[in-house]
């Protein structure tokens, strides 16, 4: 898969959940896209190993730094349902932070232009 130039990915929320099958390929694809949010279900150790592998392959640090791992807010989730809820909560939180950031930028631009 190659989503790097796919316009459908702009603003998308991607959760990589491969259950150990082609992790690196899935993560490379997701991080190369222009998705607004990329997270990985799995252990911190596994994600850090995959990030190191992708860095060694030449992936930009900025792309790698965008990865949320382990996916989801730390709410003590254990069951698949709870993990899904924690991931959705993180997506909502991330989306609201982005919205607030764009409003702040707009407000600053407005205040500078009137000042």
C-alpha atoms as a PDB file:
ATOM      1  CA  UNK A   1       0.000   0.000   0.000  1.00  0.00           C
ATOM      2  CA  UNK A   2       1.106   3.541  -0.648  1.00  0.00           C
ATOM      3  CA  UNK A   3      -0.984   6.319   0.833  1.00  0.00           C
ATOM      4  CA  UNK A   4       1.705   9.004   0.680  1.00  0.00           C
ATOM      5  CA  UNK A   5      -0.083  11.060  -1.977  1.00  0.00           C
ATOM      6  CA  UNK A   6      -3.622   9.802  -1.441  1.00  0.00           C
ATOM      7  CA  UNK A   7      -5.874  12.842  -0.856  1.00  0.00           C
ATOM      8  CA  UNK A   8      -8.339  10.671   1.082  1.00  0.00           C
ATOM      9  CA  UNK A   9      -5.765  10.362   3.868  1.00  0.00           C
ATOM     10  CA  UNK A  10      -5.656  14.080   4.660  1.00  0.00           C
ATOM     11  CA  UNK A  11      -7.072  14.447   8.133  1.00  0.00           C
ATOM     12  CA  UNK A  12      -7.596  10.686   8.509  1.00  0.00           C
ATOM     13  CA  UNK A  13      -7.193   8.812  11.771  1.00  0.00           C
ATOM     14  CA  UNK A  14      -5.176   5.604  11.357  1.00  0.00           C
ATOM     15  CA  UNK A  15      -4.773   2.877  13.958  1.00  0.00           C
ATOM     16  CA  UNK A  16      -2.271   0.152  13.091  1.00  0.00           C
ATOM     17  CA  UNK A  17      -3.436  -3.130  14.605  1.00  0.00           C
ATOM     18  CA  UNK A  18      -1.687  -5.914  12.721  1.00  0.00           C
ATOM     19  CA  UNK A  19      -1.424  -8.572  15.433  1.00  0.00           C
ATOM     20  CA  UNK A  20       2.226  -9.014  14.487  1.00  0.00           C
ATOM     21  CA  UNK A  21       1.713  -9.453  10.755  1.00  0.00           C
ATOM     22  CA  UNK A  22       3.653  -7.010   8.560  1.00  0.00           C
ATOM     23  CA  UNK A  23       3.888  -4.440  11.355  1.00  0.00           C
ATOM     24  CA  UNK A  24       6.703  -2.491   9.746  1.00  0.00           C
ATOM     25  CA  UNK A  25       4.959  -2.296   6.361  1.00  0.00           C
ATOM     26  CA  UNK A  26       1.705  -1.097   7.904  1.00  0.00           C
ATOM     27  CA  UNK A  27       3.451   1.457  10.096  1.00  0.00           C
ATOM     28  CA  UNK A  28       5.609   2.725   7.216  1.00  0.00           C
ATOM     29  CA  UNK A  29       2.510   3.202   5.083  1.00  0.00           C
ATOM     30  CA  UNK A  30       0.545   4.972   7.819  1.00  0.00           C
ATOM     31  CA  UNK A  31       3.396   7.285   8.821  1.00  0.00           C
ATOM     32  CA  UNK A  32       4.148   8.149   5.188  1.00  0.00           C
ATOM     33  CA  UNK A  33       0.589   9.326   4.645  1.00  0.00           C
ATOM     34  CA  UNK A  34      -0.711  12.745   5.576  1.00  0.00           C
ATOM     35  CA  UNK A  35      -3.036  11.307   8.210  1.00  0.00           C
ATOM     36  CA  UNK A  36      -3.869  13.601  11.108  1.00  0.00           C
ATOM     37  CA  UNK A  37      -3.379  10.813  13.656  1.00  0.00           C
ATOM     38  CA  UNK A  38      -1.400   7.559  13.533  1.00  0.00           C
ATOM     39  CA  UNK A  39      -1.349   5.159  16.467  1.00  0.00           C
ATOM     40  CA  UNK A  40      -0.158   1.616  16.976  1.00  0.00           C
ATOM     41  CA  UNK A  41      -1.783  -1.054  19.089  1.00  0.00           C
ATOM     42  CA  UNK A  42       1.017  -2.973  20.763  1.00  0.00           C
ATOM     43  CA  UNK A  43       3.670  -2.676  23.389  1.00  0.00           C
ATOM     44  CA  UNK A  44       5.896   0.347  23.803  1.00  0.00           C
ATOM     45  CA  UNK A  45       8.932  -1.892  23.268  1.00  0.00           C
ATOM     46  CA  UNK A  46       7.577  -3.212  19.971  1.00  0.00           C
ATOM     47  CA  UNK A  47       6.718   0.285  18.711  1.00  0.00           C
ATOM     48  CA  UNK A  48      10.145   1.644  19.652  1.00  0.00           C
ATOM     49  CA  UNK A  49      11.842  -1.249  17.824  1.00  0.00           C
ATOM     50  CA  UNK A  50       9.744  -0.604  14.725  1.00  0.00           C
ATOM     51  CA  UNK A  51      10.494   3.130  14.908  1.00  0.00           C
ATOM     52  CA  UNK A  52      14.226   2.356  15.100  1.00  0.00           C
ATOM     53  CA  UNK A  53      13.924   0.034  12.095  1.00  0.00           C
ATOM     54  CA  UNK A  54      12.075   2.680  10.074  1.00  0.00           C
ATOM     55  CA  UNK A  55      14.618   5.330  11.043  1.00  0.00           C
ATOM     56  CA  UNK A  56      17.404   3.023   9.840  1.00  0.00           C
ATOM     57  CA  UNK A  57      15.504   2.649   6.556  1.00  0.00           C
ATOM     58  CA  UNK A  58      15.533   6.424   6.149  1.00  0.00           C
ATOM     59  CA  UNK A  59      12.130   7.536   7.415  1.00  0.00           C
ATOM     60  CA  UNK A  60      12.114  11.148   8.604  1.00  0.00           C
ATOM     61  CA  UNK A  61      12.225  11.707  12.358  1.00  0.00           C
ATOM     62  CA  UNK A  62       9.236  14.085  12.124  1.00  0.00           C
ATOM     63  CA  UNK A  63       7.124  11.268  10.682  1.00  0.00           C
ATOM     64  CA  UNK A  64       8.251   8.880  13.413  1.00  0.00           C
ATOM     65  CA  UNK A  65       7.604  11.428  16.157  1.00  0.00           C
ATOM     66  CA  UNK A  66       3.971  11.664  15.044  1.00  0.00           C
ATOM     67  CA  UNK A  67       3.283   8.082  16.146  1.00  0.00           C
ATOM     68  CA  UNK A  68       1.044   7.618  19.180  1.00  0.00           C
ATOM     69  CA  UNK A  69       2.091   4.495  21.059  1.00  0.00           C
ATOM     70  CA  UNK A  70       0.872   2.568  22.721  1.00  0.00           C
ATOM     71  CA  UNK A  71      -2.406   3.647  21.164  1.00  0.00           C
ATOM     72  CA  UNK A  72      -5.040   5.179  23.402  1.00  0.00           C
ATOM     73  CA  UNK A  73      -5.260   7.143  26.608  1.00  0.00           C
ATOM     74  CA  UNK A  74      -3.987   5.458  29.746  1.00  0.00           C
ATOM     75  CA  UNK A  75      -7.294   4.561  31.382  1.00  0.00           C
ATOM     76  CA  UNK A  76      -6.195   1.129  32.581  1.00  0.00           C
ATOM     77  CA  UNK A  77      -7.816  -0.566  29.590  1.00  0.00           C
ATOM     78  CA  UNK A  78      -7.542  -4.353  29.544  1.00  0.00           C
ATOM     79  CA  UNK A  79     -10.292  -5.797  27.355  1.00  0.00           C
ATOM     80  CA  UNK A  80     -10.519  -5.175  23.595  1.00  0.00           C
ATOM     81  CA  UNK A  81     -13.601  -2.998  24.175  1.00  0.00           C
ATOM     82  CA  UNK A  82     -11.771  -0.874  26.739  1.00  0.00           C
ATOM     83  CA  UNK A  83      -8.729  -0.541  24.478  1.00  0.00           C
ATOM     84  CA  UNK A  84     -10.973   0.571  21.613  1.00  0.00           C
ATOM     85  CA  UNK A  85     -12.598   3.139  23.890  1.00  0.00           C
ATOM     86  CA  UNK A  86      -9.199   4.458  24.994  1.00  0.00           C
ATOM     87  CA  UNK A  87      -8.093   4.811  21.357  1.00  0.00           C
ATOM     88  CA  UNK A  88     -11.264   6.675  20.414  1.00  0.00           C
ATOM     89  CA  UNK A  89     -10.842   8.933  23.444  1.00  0.00           C
ATOM     90  CA  UNK A  90      -7.290   9.757  22.342  1.00  0.00           C
ATOM     91  CA  UNK A  91      -8.499  10.532  18.816  1.00  0.00           C
ATOM     92  CA  UNK A  92     -11.141  12.908  20.195  1.00  0.00           C
ATOM     93  CA  UNK A  93      -8.559  14.542  22.460  1.00  0.00           C
ATOM     94  CA  UNK A  94      -6.069  14.901  19.604  1.00  0.00           C
ATOM     95  CA  UNK A  95      -8.717  16.330  17.291  1.00  0.00           C
ATOM     96  CA  UNK A  96      -9.756  18.934  19.845  1.00  0.00           C
ATOM     97  CA  UNK A  97      -6.126  19.934  20.438  1.00  0.00           C
ATOM     98  CA  UNK A  98      -5.688  20.421  16.692  1.00  0.00           C
ATOM     99  CA  UNK A  99      -8.896  22.465  16.491  1.00  0.00           C
ATOM    100  CA  UNK A 100      -7.808  24.632  19.421  1.00  0.00           C
ATOM    101  CA  UNK A 101      -4.388  25.130  17.834  1.00  0.00           C
ATOM    102  CA  UNK A 102      -5.861  26.271  14.538  1.00  0.00           C
ATOM    103  CA  UNK A 103      -8.190  28.680  16.364  1.00  0.00           C
ATOM    104  CA  UNK A 104      -5.235  30.100  18.286  1.00  0.00           C
ATOM    105  CA  UNK A 105      -3.280  30.606  15.080  1.00  0.00           C
ATOM    106  CA  UNK A 106      -6.253  32.368  13.514  1.00  0.00           C
ATOM    107  CA  UNK A 107      -6.711  34.558  16.573  1.00  0.00           C
ATOM    108  CA  UNK A 108      -3.033  35.511  16.573  1.00  0.00           C
ATOM    109  CA  UNK A 109      -3.129  36.347  12.878  1.00  0.00           C
ATOM    110  CA  UNK A 110      -6.202  38.494  13.419  1.00  0.00           C
ATOM    111  CA  UNK A 111      -4.668  40.352  16.340  1.00  0.00           C
ATOM    112  CA  UNK A 112      -1.459  41.026  14.409  1.00  0.00           C
ATOM    113  CA  UNK A 113      -3.303  42.259  11.353  1.00  0.00           C
ATOM    114  CA  UNK A 114      -5.425  44.693  13.365  1.00  0.00           C
ATOM    115  CA  UNK A 115      -2.639  45.783  15.668  1.00  0.00           C
END
